[in-house]
Amino acid sequence: MKPYRFINIDEEPTDEQLLQLMQDVALEAKARHDKAHAALFEHIRQMAKSL
C-alpha cells in the first residue's frame, strides 16, 4: 500500500486519492483475510489428524 499523508487540514484529498486509498485498503484487507482463513483451516486439519 502506498503511504498516504493527509496532513493538510486546509485541503481535502481528491476523489482520486480517496478512491486509490480505499482500493489499497480493500486489497490489503482481503490478503489478510485470505491468510487468516488459510491458517484457520490448516489448524482445523491438524486438530482433525490428532483425533
N, C-alpha and C. Protein backbone atom coordinates (compact mmCIF):
# COMPACT_ATOMS: atom_id res chain seq x y z
N MET A 1 0.85 -1.18 0.00
CA MET A 1 0.00 0.00 0.00
C MET A 1 0.89 1.23 0.00
N LYS A 2 0.53 2.18 -0.80
CA LYS A 2 1.28 3.43 -0.86
C LYS A 2 1.05 4.22 0.44
N PRO A 3 2.09 4.90 0.92
CA PRO A 3 1.86 5.73 2.11
C PRO A 3 1.05 6.99 1.76
N TYR A 4 0.10 7.29 2.58
CA TYR A 4 -0.72 8.48 2.39
C TYR A 4 -0.53 9.40 3.57
N ARG A 5 -0.42 10.66 3.27
CA ARG A 5 -0.27 11.65 4.34
C ARG A 5 -1.23 12.78 4.08
N PHE A 6 -2.37 12.70 4.71
CA PHE A 6 -3.36 13.76 4.59
C PHE A 6 -3.20 14.67 5.80
N ILE A 7 -2.11 15.44 5.81
CA ILE A 7 -1.83 16.26 6.98
C ILE A 7 -2.25 17.71 6.80
N ASN A 8 -2.60 18.07 5.60
CA ASN A 8 -3.01 19.45 5.34
C ASN A 8 -4.51 19.55 5.63
N ILE A 9 -4.86 20.08 6.80
CA ILE A 9 -6.27 20.15 7.18
C ILE A 9 -7.02 21.22 6.41
N ASP A 10 -6.30 22.06 5.70
CA ASP A 10 -6.95 23.11 4.92
C ASP A 10 -7.35 22.63 3.52
N GLU A 11 -6.86 21.47 3.12
CA GLU A 11 -7.12 20.97 1.77
C GLU A 11 -7.63 19.54 1.85
N GLU A 12 -8.80 19.30 1.29
CA GLU A 12 -9.38 17.95 1.28
C GLU A 12 -8.66 17.09 0.24
N PRO A 13 -8.54 15.79 0.50
CA PRO A 13 -7.96 14.90 -0.51
C PRO A 13 -8.90 14.82 -1.71
N THR A 14 -8.32 14.57 -2.87
CA THR A 14 -9.13 14.47 -4.08
C THR A 14 -9.91 13.17 -4.07
N ASP A 15 -10.94 13.12 -4.90
CA ASP A 15 -11.71 11.89 -5.03
C ASP A 15 -10.83 10.75 -5.51
N GLU A 16 -9.89 11.06 -6.39
CA GLU A 16 -8.98 10.05 -6.90
C GLU A 16 -8.08 9.50 -5.79
N GLN A 17 -7.59 10.38 -4.92
CA GLN A 17 -6.76 9.93 -3.81
C GLN A 17 -7.57 9.04 -2.87
N LEU A 18 -8.79 9.44 -2.58
CA LEU A 18 -9.62 8.64 -1.68
C LEU A 18 -9.97 7.29 -2.31
N LEU A 19 -10.27 7.27 -3.58
CA LEU A 19 -10.57 6.03 -4.28
C LEU A 19 -9.37 5.09 -4.24
N GLN A 20 -8.19 5.62 -4.53
CA GLN A 20 -6.98 4.80 -4.51
C GLN A 20 -6.73 4.26 -3.10
N LEU A 21 -6.91 5.09 -2.10
CA LEU A 21 -6.72 4.66 -0.71
C LEU A 21 -7.69 3.53 -0.36
N MET A 22 -8.96 3.69 -0.73
CA MET A 22 -9.96 2.65 -0.44
C MET A 22 -9.64 1.35 -1.17
N GLN A 23 -9.18 1.44 -2.40
CA GLN A 23 -8.81 0.24 -3.15
C GLN A 23 -7.62 -0.46 -2.51
N ASP A 24 -6.62 0.31 -2.12
CA ASP A 24 -5.44 -0.26 -1.48
C ASP A 24 -5.79 -0.95 -0.17
N VAL A 25 -6.63 -0.29 0.62
CA VAL A 25 -7.04 -0.86 1.91
C VAL A 25 -7.85 -2.14 1.69
N ALA A 26 -8.73 -2.13 0.70
CA ALA A 26 -9.54 -3.31 0.41
C ALA A 26 -8.66 -4.49 0.00
N LEU A 27 -7.65 -4.24 -0.82
CA LEU A 27 -6.74 -5.31 -1.24
C LEU A 27 -5.96 -5.86 -0.05
N GLU A 28 -5.50 -4.98 0.81
CA GLU A 28 -4.75 -5.43 1.98
C GLU A 28 -5.65 -6.22 2.92
N ALA A 29 -6.88 -5.76 3.12
CA ALA A 29 -7.82 -6.47 3.98
C ALA A 29 -8.12 -7.86 3.43
N LYS A 30 -8.30 -7.97 2.12
CA LYS A 30 -8.58 -9.28 1.52
C LYS A 30 -7.39 -10.21 1.69
N ALA A 31 -6.20 -9.70 1.50
CA ALA A 31 -5.00 -10.53 1.65
C ALA A 31 -4.88 -11.03 3.09
N ARG A 32 -5.13 -10.16 4.05
CA ARG A 32 -5.06 -10.58 5.46
C ARG A 32 -6.15 -11.61 5.77
N HIS A 33 -7.34 -11.39 5.23
CA HIS A 33 -8.44 -12.34 5.44
C HIS A 33 -8.08 -13.69 4.86
N ASP A 34 -7.58 -13.71 3.65
CA ASP A 34 -7.22 -14.97 2.99
C ASP A 34 -6.15 -15.71 3.79
N LYS A 35 -5.17 -14.98 4.30
CA LYS A 35 -4.10 -15.60 5.08
C LYS A 35 -4.65 -16.18 6.39
N ALA A 36 -5.50 -15.44 7.07
CA ALA A 36 -6.09 -15.91 8.32
C ALA A 36 -7.01 -17.11 8.07
N HIS A 37 -7.76 -17.07 6.99
CA HIS A 37 -8.67 -18.16 6.64
C HIS A 37 -7.86 -19.44 6.38
N ALA A 38 -6.79 -19.33 5.63
CA ALA A 38 -5.95 -20.49 5.35
C ALA A 38 -5.33 -21.03 6.63
N ALA A 39 -4.89 -20.15 7.51
CA ALA A 39 -4.29 -20.59 8.77
C ALA A 39 -5.32 -21.29 9.65
N LEU A 40 -6.53 -20.79 9.69
CA LEU A 40 -7.59 -21.41 10.47
C LEU A 40 -7.87 -22.83 9.98
N PHE A 41 -8.03 -22.99 8.67
CA PHE A 41 -8.33 -24.32 8.16
C PHE A 41 -7.15 -25.27 8.29
N GLU A 42 -5.94 -24.75 8.22
CA GLU A 42 -4.77 -25.61 8.47
C GLU A 42 -4.79 -26.07 9.92
N HIS A 43 -5.12 -25.19 10.83
CA HIS A 43 -5.21 -25.55 12.25
C HIS A 43 -6.30 -26.61 12.45
N ILE A 44 -7.43 -26.45 11.80
CA ILE A 44 -8.52 -27.43 11.91
C ILE A 44 -8.06 -28.78 11.37
N ARG A 45 -7.34 -28.78 10.24
CA ARG A 45 -6.84 -30.03 9.67
C ARG A 45 -5.88 -30.73 10.65
N GLN A 46 -5.01 -29.93 11.25
CA GLN A 46 -4.06 -30.52 12.22
C GLN A 46 -4.78 -31.09 13.42
N MET A 47 -5.80 -30.40 13.89
CA MET A 47 -6.58 -30.92 15.03
C MET A 47 -7.30 -32.22 14.64
N ALA A 48 -7.84 -32.27 13.43
CA ALA A 48 -8.55 -33.46 12.98
C ALA A 48 -7.60 -34.66 12.87
N LYS A 49 -6.36 -34.42 12.45
CA LYS A 49 -5.38 -35.50 12.35
C LYS A 49 -5.06 -36.09 13.71
N SER A 50 -5.11 -35.27 14.74
CA SER A 50 -4.72 -35.74 16.06
C SER A 50 -5.84 -36.50 16.77
N LEU A 51 -7.01 -36.55 16.16
CA LEU A 51 -8.13 -37.27 16.79
C LEU A 51 -8.05 -38.76 16.56
